Amino acid sequence: MLALDELRARASARQDNMDPATLSYGVTSEDMNLVGLLGEDAVLRWLTEQGAEVQSIADDPTSIATGQGDLQLSFSPTGWTRIVAHVEVKTSRRRDYARFERTVVSSQLSRMACDAVFWCTAEDDLADRGIVDIMGWLPCADAQAPEYHEPAEARGRPAVRIKRPLRDPSEFMSWLDSEARKRPPF
């Protein structure tokens, strides 16, 4: 678990390294990066508690270029086979989540090549560490499926609101080890 001061420093560094002209999701700010890092940290900690080895790849240029997501995890459910997966984490303040739900900019959604997308909410006031709730997750293929999309707008860019109900986090690890998992080409 990272301290809030460390997350703020990472948010500032992430913002400094972003080129607004190449962002697939439009505009961003240091504050928005902090909200995102809070969600990434919460999901990283949760996955670690589930027995996975997890590392952040959100700022890795290769991960950014290929759309692999924010976190890479690996675990051995049977002790024999090692499973590697990539997770994208979408985090909003609670007030924004209540208003926009699971809205993702279309250009970012179309290039996601992760296994799953987690949605989190952070407290509206980030003066303190705040609480981050993991709302649930979807396989990336479900998040990208047009039949679950409703047209929307996010930060002035075309977006979709994903209407597919979220899966409970408790189902995630068993899904990764199931035949139902559709692996994107990496």
N, C-alpha and C. Protein backbone atom coordinates (compact mmCIF):
# COMPACT_ATOMS: atom_id res chain seq x y z
N MET A 1 0.85 -1.17 0.00
CA MET A 1 0.00 0.00 0.00
C MET A 1 0.90 1.24 0.00
N LEU A 2 0.65 2.11 -0.94
CA LEU A 2 1.46 3.31 -1.05
C LEU A 2 0.87 4.43 -0.20
N ALA A 3 1.73 5.24 0.39
CA ALA A 3 1.30 6.40 1.17
C ALA A 3 0.74 7.45 0.22
N LEU A 4 -0.17 8.27 0.73
CA LEU A 4 -0.80 9.29 -0.10
C LEU A 4 0.24 10.24 -0.70
N ASP A 5 1.26 10.60 0.07
CA ASP A 5 2.30 11.49 -0.45
C ASP A 5 3.03 10.86 -1.63
N GLU A 6 3.28 9.55 -1.55
CA GLU A 6 3.95 8.85 -2.65
C GLU A 6 3.03 8.80 -3.88
N LEU A 7 1.74 8.56 -3.67
CA LEU A 7 0.80 8.56 -4.79
C LEU A 7 0.70 9.94 -5.43
N ARG A 8 0.71 10.99 -4.62
CA ARG A 8 0.68 12.35 -5.17
C ARG A 8 1.92 12.62 -6.03
N ALA A 9 3.09 12.18 -5.56
CA ALA A 9 4.33 12.36 -6.32
C ALA A 9 4.26 11.59 -7.63
N ARG A 10 3.74 10.37 -7.59
CA ARG A 10 3.59 9.58 -8.83
C ARG A 10 2.59 10.21 -9.78
N ALA A 11 1.50 10.78 -9.23
CA ALA A 11 0.51 11.45 -10.07
C ALA A 11 1.13 12.65 -10.77
N SER A 12 1.94 13.39 -10.05
CA SER A 12 2.61 14.56 -10.63
C SER A 12 3.58 14.13 -11.73
N ALA A 13 4.37 13.09 -11.45
CA ALA A 13 5.32 12.58 -12.45
C ALA A 13 4.60 12.03 -13.67
N ARG A 14 3.50 11.32 -13.44
CA ARG A 14 2.72 10.76 -14.55
C ARG A 14 2.18 11.89 -15.42
N GLN A 15 1.66 12.93 -14.78
CA GLN A 15 1.13 14.07 -15.53
C GLN A 15 2.23 14.74 -16.35
N ASP A 16 3.40 14.92 -15.75
CA ASP A 16 4.52 15.56 -16.45
C ASP A 16 4.97 14.77 -17.67
N ASN A 17 4.81 13.45 -17.62
CA ASN A 17 5.26 12.59 -18.72
C ASN A 17 4.22 12.36 -19.79
N MET A 18 3.01 12.86 -19.62
CA MET A 18 1.94 12.64 -20.60
C MET A 18 1.97 13.70 -21.68
N ASP A 19 1.75 13.24 -22.89
CA ASP A 19 1.62 14.14 -24.04
C ASP A 19 0.14 14.22 -24.38
N PRO A 20 -0.51 15.34 -24.09
CA PRO A 20 -1.95 15.46 -24.33
C PRO A 20 -2.36 15.13 -25.77
N ALA A 21 -1.47 15.33 -26.71
CA ALA A 21 -1.80 15.06 -28.11
C ALA A 21 -1.95 13.56 -28.39
N THR A 22 -1.35 12.72 -27.56
CA THR A 22 -1.40 11.28 -27.82
C THR A 22 -2.30 10.52 -26.87
N LEU A 23 -2.95 11.20 -25.93
CA LEU A 23 -3.82 10.50 -24.99
C LEU A 23 -5.07 10.00 -25.69
N SER A 24 -5.33 8.71 -25.57
CA SER A 24 -6.51 8.15 -26.23
C SER A 24 -7.79 8.53 -25.51
N TYR A 25 -7.69 9.00 -24.27
CA TYR A 25 -8.90 9.36 -23.53
C TYR A 25 -9.05 10.86 -23.34
N GLY A 26 -8.29 11.65 -24.06
CA GLY A 26 -8.50 13.09 -24.04
C GLY A 26 -7.65 13.80 -23.02
N VAL A 27 -8.28 14.65 -22.25
CA VAL A 27 -7.56 15.48 -21.29
C VAL A 27 -7.36 14.73 -19.98
N THR A 28 -6.37 15.18 -19.23
CA THR A 28 -6.13 14.63 -17.90
C THR A 28 -5.52 15.72 -17.04
N SER A 29 -5.40 15.44 -15.76
CA SER A 29 -4.82 16.40 -14.83
C SER A 29 -4.10 15.61 -13.74
N GLU A 30 -3.31 16.31 -12.96
CA GLU A 30 -2.63 15.66 -11.85
C GLU A 30 -3.65 15.05 -10.88
N ASP A 31 -4.73 15.78 -10.63
CA ASP A 31 -5.79 15.29 -9.75
C ASP A 31 -6.44 14.02 -10.30
N MET A 32 -6.70 14.00 -11.60
CA MET A 32 -7.30 12.81 -12.21
C MET A 32 -6.33 11.63 -12.14
N ASN A 33 -5.04 11.90 -12.30
CA ASN A 33 -4.04 10.84 -12.18
C ASN A 33 -3.99 10.30 -10.75
N LEU A 34 -4.15 11.18 -9.77
CA LEU A 34 -4.17 10.72 -8.38
C LEU A 34 -5.36 9.80 -8.13
N VAL A 35 -6.53 10.17 -8.63
CA VAL A 35 -7.72 9.32 -8.48
C VAL A 35 -7.45 7.95 -9.12
N GLY A 36 -6.87 7.96 -10.32
CA GLY A 36 -6.56 6.70 -10.99
C GLY A 36 -5.56 5.86 -10.22
N LEU A 37 -4.54 6.49 -9.67
CA LEU A 37 -3.54 5.76 -8.89
C LEU A 37 -4.13 5.18 -7.61
N LEU A 38 -5.06 5.88 -6.99
CA LEU A 38 -5.74 5.33 -5.81
C LEU A 38 -6.46 4.03 -6.17
N GLY A 39 -7.16 4.02 -7.31
CA GLY A 39 -7.84 2.80 -7.74
C GLY A 39 -6.87 1.69 -8.10
N GLU A 40 -5.80 2.03 -8.83
CA GLU A 40 -4.79 1.02 -9.19
C GLU A 40 -4.20 0.40 -7.93
N ASP A 41 -3.89 1.24 -6.93
CA ASP A 41 -3.31 0.74 -5.69
C ASP A 41 -4.29 -0.16 -4.95
N ALA A 42 -5.56 0.19 -4.94
CA ALA A 42 -6.57 -0.64 -4.26
C ALA A 42 -6.71 -2.00 -4.93
N VAL A 43 -6.75 -2.03 -6.25
CA VAL A 43 -6.88 -3.31 -6.96
C VAL A 43 -5.60 -4.12 -6.82
N LEU A 44 -4.44 -3.47 -6.87
CA LEU A 44 -3.17 -4.17 -6.68
C LEU A 44 -3.15 -4.84 -5.31
N ARG A 45 -3.54 -4.11 -4.27
CA ARG A 45 -3.55 -4.69 -2.92
C ARG A 45 -4.54 -5.85 -2.83
N TRP A 46 -5.72 -5.69 -3.42
CA TRP A 46 -6.73 -6.74 -3.38
C TRP A 46 -6.24 -8.00 -4.10
N LEU A 47 -5.68 -7.84 -5.29
CA LEU A 47 -5.17 -8.99 -6.03
C LEU A 47 -4.04 -9.69 -5.27
N THR A 48 -3.20 -8.91 -4.61
CA THR A 48 -2.13 -9.49 -3.79
C THR A 48 -2.72 -10.31 -2.65
N GLU A 49 -3.77 -9.81 -2.04
CA GLU A 49 -4.45 -10.55 -0.97
C GLU A 49 -5.05 -11.86 -1.49
N GLN A 50 -5.36 -11.92 -2.79
CA GLN A 50 -5.91 -13.14 -3.38
C GLN A 50 -4.82 -14.15 -3.76
N GLY A 51 -3.56 -13.77 -3.53
CA GLY A 51 -2.46 -14.69 -3.78
C GLY A 51 -1.72 -14.45 -5.08
N ALA A 52 -2.04 -13.38 -5.79
CA ALA A 52 -1.37 -13.09 -7.05
C ALA A 52 -0.12 -12.25 -6.81
N GLU A 53 0.86 -12.41 -7.68
CA GLU A 53 1.99 -11.50 -7.72
C GLU A 53 1.58 -10.40 -8.70
N VAL A 54 1.66 -9.16 -8.27
CA VAL A 54 1.13 -8.05 -9.08
C VAL A 54 2.17 -6.96 -9.22
N GLN A 55 2.26 -6.40 -10.42
CA GLN A 55 3.11 -5.24 -10.61
C GLN A 55 2.37 -4.21 -11.46
N SER A 56 2.64 -2.95 -11.17
CA SER A 56 2.05 -1.86 -11.94
C SER A 56 2.80 -1.73 -13.26
N ILE A 57 2.07 -1.68 -14.35
CA ILE A 57 2.68 -1.47 -15.68
C ILE A 57 2.07 -0.25 -16.36
N ALA A 58 1.31 0.54 -15.60
CA ALA A 58 0.57 1.66 -16.18
C ALA A 58 1.46 2.69 -16.84
N ASP A 59 2.66 2.88 -16.33
CA ASP A 59 3.55 3.90 -16.89
C ASP A 59 4.61 3.32 -17.82
N ASP A 60 4.52 2.02 -18.08
CA ASP A 60 5.46 1.36 -18.98
C ASP A 60 5.10 1.69 -20.43
N PRO A 61 6.05 2.23 -21.22
CA PRO A 61 5.74 2.62 -22.60
C PRO A 61 5.18 1.48 -23.46
N THR A 62 5.66 0.26 -23.26
CA THR A 62 5.15 -0.87 -24.05
C THR A 62 3.71 -1.16 -23.68
N SER A 63 3.40 -1.12 -22.40
CA SER A 63 2.03 -1.35 -21.95
C SER A 63 1.10 -0.29 -22.50
N ILE A 64 1.55 0.96 -22.48
CA ILE A 64 0.75 2.06 -23.01
C ILE A 64 0.50 1.87 -24.50
N ALA A 65 1.54 1.52 -25.24
CA ALA A 65 1.43 1.37 -26.69
C ALA A 65 0.53 0.20 -27.09
N THR A 66 0.52 -0.86 -26.28
CA THR A 66 -0.26 -2.04 -26.64
C THR A 66 -1.61 -2.11 -25.95
N GLY A 67 -1.90 -1.17 -25.04
CA GLY A 67 -3.19 -1.16 -24.37
C GLY A 67 -3.39 -2.29 -23.37
N GLN A 68 -2.29 -2.81 -22.81
CA GLN A 68 -2.39 -3.96 -21.92
C GLN A 68 -2.97 -3.64 -20.55
N GLY A 69 -3.08 -2.40 -20.20
CA GLY A 69 -3.71 -2.05 -18.94
C GLY A 69 -2.75 -1.50 -17.91
N ASP A 70 -3.23 -1.46 -16.66
CA ASP A 70 -2.50 -0.84 -15.57
C ASP A 70 -1.70 -1.82 -14.72
N LEU A 71 -2.21 -3.05 -14.61
CA LEU A 71 -1.58 -4.03 -13.73
C LEU A 71 -1.35 -5.34 -14.46
N GLN A 72 -0.23 -5.97 -14.15
CA GLN A 72 0.04 -7.32 -14.65
C GLN A 72 0.11 -8.23 -13.44
N LEU A 73 -0.62 -9.34 -13.49
CA LEU A 73 -0.61 -10.25 -12.37
C LEU A 73 -0.27 -11.65 -12.85
N SER A 74 0.29 -12.42 -11.95
CA SER A 74 0.54 -13.83 -12.24
C SER A 74 0.28 -14.63 -10.97
N PHE A 75 -0.22 -15.84 -11.17
CA PHE A 75 -0.45 -16.73 -10.04
C PHE A 75 -0.53 -18.16 -10.55
N SER A 76 -0.39 -19.10 -9.64
CA SER A 76 -0.44 -20.53 -9.96
C SER A 76 -1.57 -21.17 -9.16
N PRO A 77 -2.76 -21.28 -9.74
CA PRO A 77 -3.88 -21.83 -8.97
C PRO A 77 -3.69 -23.29 -8.60
N THR A 78 -3.01 -24.05 -9.43
CA THR A 78 -2.82 -25.47 -9.15
C THR A 78 -1.42 -25.77 -8.67
N GLY A 79 -0.56 -24.76 -8.70
CA GLY A 79 0.83 -24.99 -8.34
C GLY A 79 1.67 -25.42 -9.53
N TRP A 80 1.02 -25.70 -10.65
CA TRP A 80 1.74 -26.17 -11.85
C TRP A 80 1.75 -25.14 -12.96
N THR A 81 0.59 -24.62 -13.27
CA THR A 81 0.47 -23.69 -14.38
C THR A 81 0.50 -22.26 -13.88
N ARG A 82 1.30 -21.45 -14.51
CA ARG A 82 1.37 -20.03 -14.13
C ARG A 82 0.48 -19.25 -15.08
N ILE A 83 -0.45 -18.50 -14.53
CA ILE A 83 -1.36 -17.68 -15.33
C ILE A 83 -0.89 -16.23 -15.24
N VAL A 84 -0.80 -15.58 -16.39
CA VAL A 84 -0.45 -14.17 -16.46
C VAL A 84 -1.65 -13.43 -17.05
N ALA A 85 -2.01 -12.33 -16.44
CA ALA A 85 -3.16 -11.56 -16.91
C ALA A 85 -2.87 -10.07 -16.79
N HIS A 86 -3.60 -9.30 -17.58
CA HIS A 86 -3.48 -7.84 -17.56
C HIS A 86 -4.83 -7.24 -17.21
N VAL A 87 -4.79 -6.22 -16.35
CA VAL A 87 -6.02 -5.59 -15.85
C VAL A 87 -5.94 -4.09 -16.06
N GLU A 88 -7.01 -3.52 -16.57
CA GLU A 88 -7.19 -2.08 -16.66
C GLU A 88 -8.04 -1.66 -15.47
N VAL A 89 -7.69 -0.55 -14.83
CA VAL A 89 -8.45 -0.06 -13.68
C VAL A 89 -9.01 1.32 -14.02
N LYS A 90 -10.31 1.46 -13.92
CA LYS A 90 -10.99 2.73 -14.16
C LYS A 90 -11.52 3.23 -12.81
N THR A 91 -11.11 4.41 -12.40
CA THR A 91 -11.50 4.93 -11.10
C THR A 91 -12.11 6.31 -11.27
N SER A 92 -13.21 6.53 -10.59
CA SER A 92 -13.91 7.82 -10.57
C SER A 92 -14.17 8.21 -9.13
N ARG A 93 -14.35 9.50 -8.94
CA ARG A 93 -14.88 9.95 -7.65
C ARG A 93 -16.32 9.44 -7.55
N ARG A 94 -16.77 9.26 -6.34
CA ARG A 94 -18.13 8.72 -6.14
C ARG A 94 -19.19 9.57 -6.83
N ARG A 95 -19.07 10.90 -6.74
CA ARG A 95 -20.09 11.77 -7.36
C ARG A 95 -20.10 11.59 -8.88
N ASP A 96 -18.92 11.41 -9.47
CA ASP A 96 -18.85 11.21 -10.92
C ASP A 96 -19.37 9.84 -11.32
N TYR A 97 -19.06 8.82 -10.53
CA TYR A 97 -19.55 7.47 -10.82
C TYR A 97 -21.08 7.44 -10.74
N ALA A 98 -21.64 8.13 -9.77
CA ALA A 98 -23.09 8.17 -9.63
C ALA A 98 -23.73 8.83 -10.85
N ARG A 99 -23.03 9.79 -11.43
CA ARG A 99 -23.57 10.53 -12.58
C ARG A 99 -23.29 9.83 -13.91
N PHE A 100 -22.06 9.35 -14.08
CA PHE A 100 -21.65 8.81 -15.38
C PHE A 100 -21.53 7.29 -15.43
N GLU A 101 -21.57 6.64 -14.29
CA GLU A 101 -21.41 5.20 -14.19
C GLU A 101 -20.12 4.76 -14.88
N ARG A 102 -20.20 3.72 -15.68
CA ARG A 102 -19.02 3.15 -16.34
C ARG A 102 -18.89 3.72 -17.76
N THR A 103 -18.50 4.98 -17.83
CA THR A 103 -18.31 5.64 -19.12
C THR A 103 -16.83 5.62 -19.47
N VAL A 104 -16.54 5.17 -20.69
CA VAL A 104 -15.15 5.08 -21.17
C VAL A 104 -15.08 5.75 -22.54
N VAL A 105 -14.05 6.55 -22.73
CA VAL A 105 -13.84 7.19 -24.03
C VAL A 105 -13.68 6.10 -25.09
N SER A 106 -14.41 6.24 -26.19
CA SER A 106 -14.44 5.21 -27.23
C SER A 106 -13.06 4.85 -27.76
N SER A 107 -12.20 5.86 -27.98
CA SER A 107 -10.87 5.57 -28.54
C SER A 107 -10.01 4.77 -27.57
N GLN A 108 -10.19 4.96 -26.28
CA GLN A 108 -9.44 4.14 -25.32
C GLN A 108 -10.01 2.73 -25.24
N LEU A 109 -11.32 2.62 -25.20
CA LEU A 109 -11.96 1.31 -25.10
C LEU A 109 -11.60 0.42 -26.28
N SER A 110 -11.57 0.99 -27.47
CA SER A 110 -11.31 0.18 -28.67
C SER A 110 -9.89 -0.38 -28.72
N ARG A 111 -8.94 0.26 -28.01
CA ARG A 111 -7.57 -0.24 -28.07
C ARG A 111 -7.15 -1.01 -26.82
N MET A 112 -8.07 -1.23 -25.90
CA MET A 112 -7.75 -2.02 -24.71
C MET A 112 -7.48 -3.47 -25.12
N ALA A 113 -6.35 -4.00 -24.66
CA ALA A 113 -5.99 -5.38 -24.94
C ALA A 113 -5.71 -6.13 -23.64
N CYS A 114 -6.47 -5.80 -22.62
CA CYS A 114 -6.29 -6.43 -21.32
C CYS A 114 -7.25 -7.61 -21.19
N ASP A 115 -7.13 -8.32 -20.10
CA ASP A 115 -8.04 -9.44 -19.84
C ASP A 115 -9.33 -8.97 -19.18
N ALA A 116 -9.22 -7.97 -18.29
CA ALA A 116 -10.39 -7.52 -17.55
C ALA A 116 -10.26 -6.04 -17.20
N VAL A 117 -11.41 -5.44 -16.93
CA VAL A 117 -11.47 -4.04 -16.52
C VAL A 117 -12.15 -3.99 -15.15
N PHE A 118 -11.47 -3.38 -14.18
CA PHE A 118 -12.05 -3.16 -12.86
C PHE A 118 -12.52 -1.72 -12.76
N TRP A 119 -13.66 -1.51 -12.08
CA TRP A 119 -14.14 -0.16 -11.80
C TRP A 119 -14.09 0.08 -10.29
N CYS A 120 -13.58 1.26 -9.94
CA CYS A 120 -13.45 1.66 -8.53
C CYS A 120 -14.01 3.05 -8.34
N THR A 121 -14.36 3.36 -7.10
CA THR A 121 -14.74 4.72 -6.74
C THR A 121 -13.86 5.18 -5.58
N ALA A 122 -13.50 6.45 -5.63
CA ALA A 122 -12.72 7.09 -4.57
C ALA A 122 -13.57 8.16 -3.93
N GLU A 123 -13.24 8.49 -2.68
CA GLU A 123 -13.96 9.55 -2.00
C GLU A 123 -13.89 10.84 -2.80
N ASP A 124 -14.91 11.65 -2.68
CA ASP A 124 -14.94 12.92 -3.41
C ASP A 124 -13.85 13.87 -2.94
N ASP A 125 -13.56 13.88 -1.65
CA ASP A 125 -12.54 14.75 -1.07
C ASP A 125 -11.27 13.93 -0.85
N LEU A 126 -10.23 14.25 -1.58
CA LEU A 126 -8.98 13.49 -1.48
C LEU A 126 -7.97 14.14 -0.55
N ALA A 127 -8.45 15.01 0.35
CA ALA A 127 -7.52 15.65 1.29
C ALA A 127 -6.85 14.60 2.16
N ASP A 128 -7.57 13.55 2.49
CA ASP A 128 -7.01 12.44 3.24
C ASP A 128 -6.84 11.27 2.28
N ARG A 129 -6.32 10.18 2.77
CA ARG A 129 -6.12 8.98 1.94
C ARG A 129 -7.43 8.57 1.29
N GLY A 130 -8.49 8.60 2.06
CA GLY A 130 -9.78 8.27 1.49
C GLY A 130 -9.96 6.78 1.30
N ILE A 131 -11.17 6.42 1.12
CA ILE A 131 -11.52 5.02 0.92
C ILE A 131 -11.78 4.81 -0.56
N VAL A 132 -11.27 3.72 -1.09
CA VAL A 132 -11.53 3.33 -2.47
C VAL A 132 -12.32 2.04 -2.43
N ASP A 133 -13.44 2.02 -3.12
CA ASP A 133 -14.26 0.82 -3.22
C ASP A 133 -14.08 0.20 -4.59
N ILE A 134 -13.87 -1.10 -4.62
CA ILE A 134 -13.85 -1.84 -5.89
C ILE A 134 -15.30 -2.20 -6.19
N MET A 135 -15.83 -1.60 -7.24
CA MET A 135 -17.24 -1.78 -7.57
C MET A 135 -17.51 -3.12 -8.25
N GLY A 136 -16.53 -3.60 -9.01
CA GLY A 136 -16.68 -4.86 -9.73
C GLY A 136 -15.79 -4.85 -10.96
N TRP A 137 -16.00 -5.82 -11.82
CA TRP A 137 -15.15 -5.98 -13.00
C TRP A 137 -15.94 -6.63 -14.12
N LEU A 138 -15.37 -6.55 -15.31
CA LEU A 138 -15.90 -7.24 -16.48
C LEU A 138 -14.74 -7.78 -17.30
N PRO A 139 -14.94 -8.91 -17.97
CA PRO A 139 -13.94 -9.30 -18.97
C PRO A 139 -13.84 -8.18 -20.00
N CYS A 140 -12.67 -7.92 -20.50
CA CYS A 140 -12.49 -6.84 -21.48
C CYS A 140 -13.40 -7.05 -22.69
N ALA A 141 -13.55 -8.30 -23.12
CA ALA A 141 -14.42 -8.58 -24.27
C ALA A 141 -15.85 -8.13 -24.01
N ASP A 142 -16.34 -8.28 -22.78
CA ASP A 142 -17.69 -7.81 -22.45
C ASP A 142 -17.75 -6.28 -22.45
N ALA A 143 -16.71 -5.64 -21.89
CA ALA A 143 -16.68 -4.18 -21.87
C ALA A 143 -16.64 -3.60 -23.28
N GLN A 144 -16.01 -4.32 -24.21
CA GLN A 144 -15.88 -3.84 -25.59
C GLN A 144 -17.06 -4.25 -26.48
N ALA A 145 -17.94 -5.10 -26.01
CA ALA A 145 -19.05 -5.60 -26.83
C ALA A 145 -20.09 -4.50 -27.06
N PRO A 146 -20.34 -4.15 -28.33
CA PRO A 146 -21.27 -3.05 -28.64
C PRO A 146 -22.68 -3.24 -28.08
N GLU A 147 -23.12 -4.48 -27.91
CA GLU A 147 -24.48 -4.70 -27.40
C GLU A 147 -24.65 -4.20 -25.95
N TYR A 148 -23.55 -3.93 -25.27
CA TYR A 148 -23.63 -3.42 -23.89
C TYR A 148 -23.34 -1.92 -23.83
N HIS A 149 -23.29 -1.24 -24.97
CA HIS A 149 -22.91 0.17 -25.00
C HIS A 149 -24.11 1.08 -25.19
N GLU A 150 -24.01 2.23 -24.54
CA GLU A 150 -24.97 3.32 -24.72
C GLU A 150 -24.13 4.55 -25.06
N PRO A 151 -24.45 5.28 -26.13
CA PRO A 151 -23.64 6.45 -26.49
C PRO A 151 -23.57 7.46 -25.34
N ALA A 152 -22.40 8.05 -25.19
CA ALA A 152 -22.18 9.03 -24.12
C ALA A 152 -21.07 9.98 -24.55
N GLU A 153 -20.72 10.87 -23.66
CA GLU A 153 -19.62 11.79 -23.89
C GLU A 153 -18.82 11.89 -22.60
N ALA A 154 -17.50 11.94 -22.73
CA ALA A 154 -16.63 12.09 -21.56
C ALA A 154 -15.56 13.12 -21.88
N ARG A 155 -15.53 14.18 -21.10
CA ARG A 155 -14.55 15.25 -21.29
C ARG A 155 -14.54 15.77 -22.73
N GLY A 156 -15.73 15.88 -23.31
CA GLY A 156 -15.87 16.42 -24.66
C GLY A 156 -15.52 15.45 -25.77
N ARG A 157 -15.33 14.18 -25.45
CA ARG A 157 -14.96 13.19 -26.47
C ARG A 157 -16.04 12.12 -26.55
N PRO A 158 -16.19 11.51 -27.73
CA PRO A 158 -17.16 10.42 -27.86
C PRO A 158 -16.80 9.28 -26.89
N ALA A 159 -17.83 8.76 -26.24
CA ALA A 159 -17.62 7.70 -25.26
C ALA A 159 -18.81 6.76 -25.28
N VAL A 160 -18.71 5.71 -24.50
CA VAL A 160 -19.83 4.79 -24.31
C VAL A 160 -20.01 4.54 -22.82
N ARG A 161 -21.25 4.38 -22.44
CA ARG A 161 -21.59 3.96 -21.08
C ARG A 161 -21.81 2.45 -21.18
N ILE A 162 -21.07 1.71 -20.41
CA ILE A 162 -21.15 0.25 -20.46
C ILE A 162 -22.27 -0.18 -19.51
N LYS A 163 -23.30 -0.78 -20.08
CA LYS A 163 -24.50 -1.13 -19.32
C LYS A 163 -24.49 -2.57 -18.80
N ARG A 164 -23.53 -3.36 -19.18
CA ARG A 164 -23.44 -4.74 -18.68
C ARG A 164 -23.22 -4.70 -17.16
N PRO A 165 -24.01 -5.46 -16.39
CA PRO A 165 -23.79 -5.47 -14.94
C PRO A 165 -22.39 -5.98 -14.59
N LEU A 166 -21.79 -5.36 -13.59
CA LEU A 166 -20.46 -5.77 -13.16
C LEU A 166 -20.50 -7.11 -12.44
N ARG A 167 -19.41 -7.83 -12.56
CA ARG A 167 -19.24 -9.07 -11.81
C ARG A 167 -18.64 -8.76 -10.45
N ASP A 168 -18.95 -9.59 -9.49
CA ASP A 168 -18.41 -9.43 -8.15
C ASP A 168 -16.92 -9.74 -8.16
N PRO A 169 -16.11 -8.96 -7.44
CA PRO A 169 -14.68 -9.23 -7.42
C PRO A 169 -14.33 -10.66 -6.99
N SER A 170 -15.16 -11.27 -6.14
CA SER A 170 -14.87 -12.62 -5.66
C SER A 170 -14.84 -13.66 -6.79
N GLU A 171 -15.40 -13.34 -7.95
CA GLU A 171 -15.43 -14.27 -9.08
C GLU A 171 -14.19 -14.17 -9.97
N PHE A 172 -13.37 -13.15 -9.76
CA PHE A 172 -12.30 -12.85 -10.71
C PHE A 172 -11.23 -13.94 -10.80
N MET A 173 -10.69 -14.37 -9.69
CA MET A 173 -9.58 -15.33 -9.74
C MET A 173 -10.01 -16.66 -10.35
N SER A 174 -11.21 -17.14 -10.03
CA SER A 174 -11.67 -18.40 -10.63
C SER A 174 -11.94 -18.21 -12.12
N TRP A 175 -12.41 -17.03 -12.53
CA TRP A 175 -12.62 -16.77 -13.96
C TRP A 175 -11.31 -16.84 -14.72
N LEU A 176 -10.24 -16.29 -14.13
CA LEU A 176 -8.94 -16.32 -14.81
C LEU A 176 -8.48 -17.74 -15.11
N ASP A 177 -8.85 -18.67 -14.26
CA ASP A 177 -8.43 -20.06 -14.41
C ASP A 177 -9.47 -20.90 -15.14
N SER A 178 -10.48 -20.26 -15.73
CA SER A 178 -11.57 -21.00 -16.37
C SER A 178 -11.42 -21.02 -17.88
N GLU A 179 -12.16 -21.90 -18.49
CA GLU A 179 -12.21 -21.99 -19.96
C GLU A 179 -12.95 -20.79 -20.56
N ALA A 180 -13.77 -20.13 -19.76
CA ALA A 180 -14.56 -18.99 -20.26
C ALA A 180 -13.70 -17.77 -20.57
N ARG A 181 -12.50 -17.76 -20.02
CA ARG A 181 -11.63 -16.60 -20.24
C ARG A 181 -11.18 -16.55 -21.69
N LYS A 182 -11.40 -15.42 -22.29
CA LYS A 182 -10.95 -15.21 -23.67
C LYS A 182 -9.67 -14.40 -23.61
N ARG A 183 -8.62 -14.95 -24.07
CA ARG A 183 -7.31 -14.27 -24.00
C ARG A 183 -7.13 -13.39 -25.22
N PRO A 184 -6.86 -12.10 -24.99
CA PRO A 184 -6.57 -11.22 -26.12
C PRO A 184 -5.19 -11.53 -26.68
N PRO A 185 -4.96 -11.24 -27.95
CA PRO A 185 -3.63 -11.49 -28.53
C PRO A 185 -2.63 -10.46 -28.05
N PHE A 186 -1.56 -10.92 -27.42
CA PHE A 186 -0.50 -10.02 -26.98
C PHE A 186 0.73 -10.25 -27.83
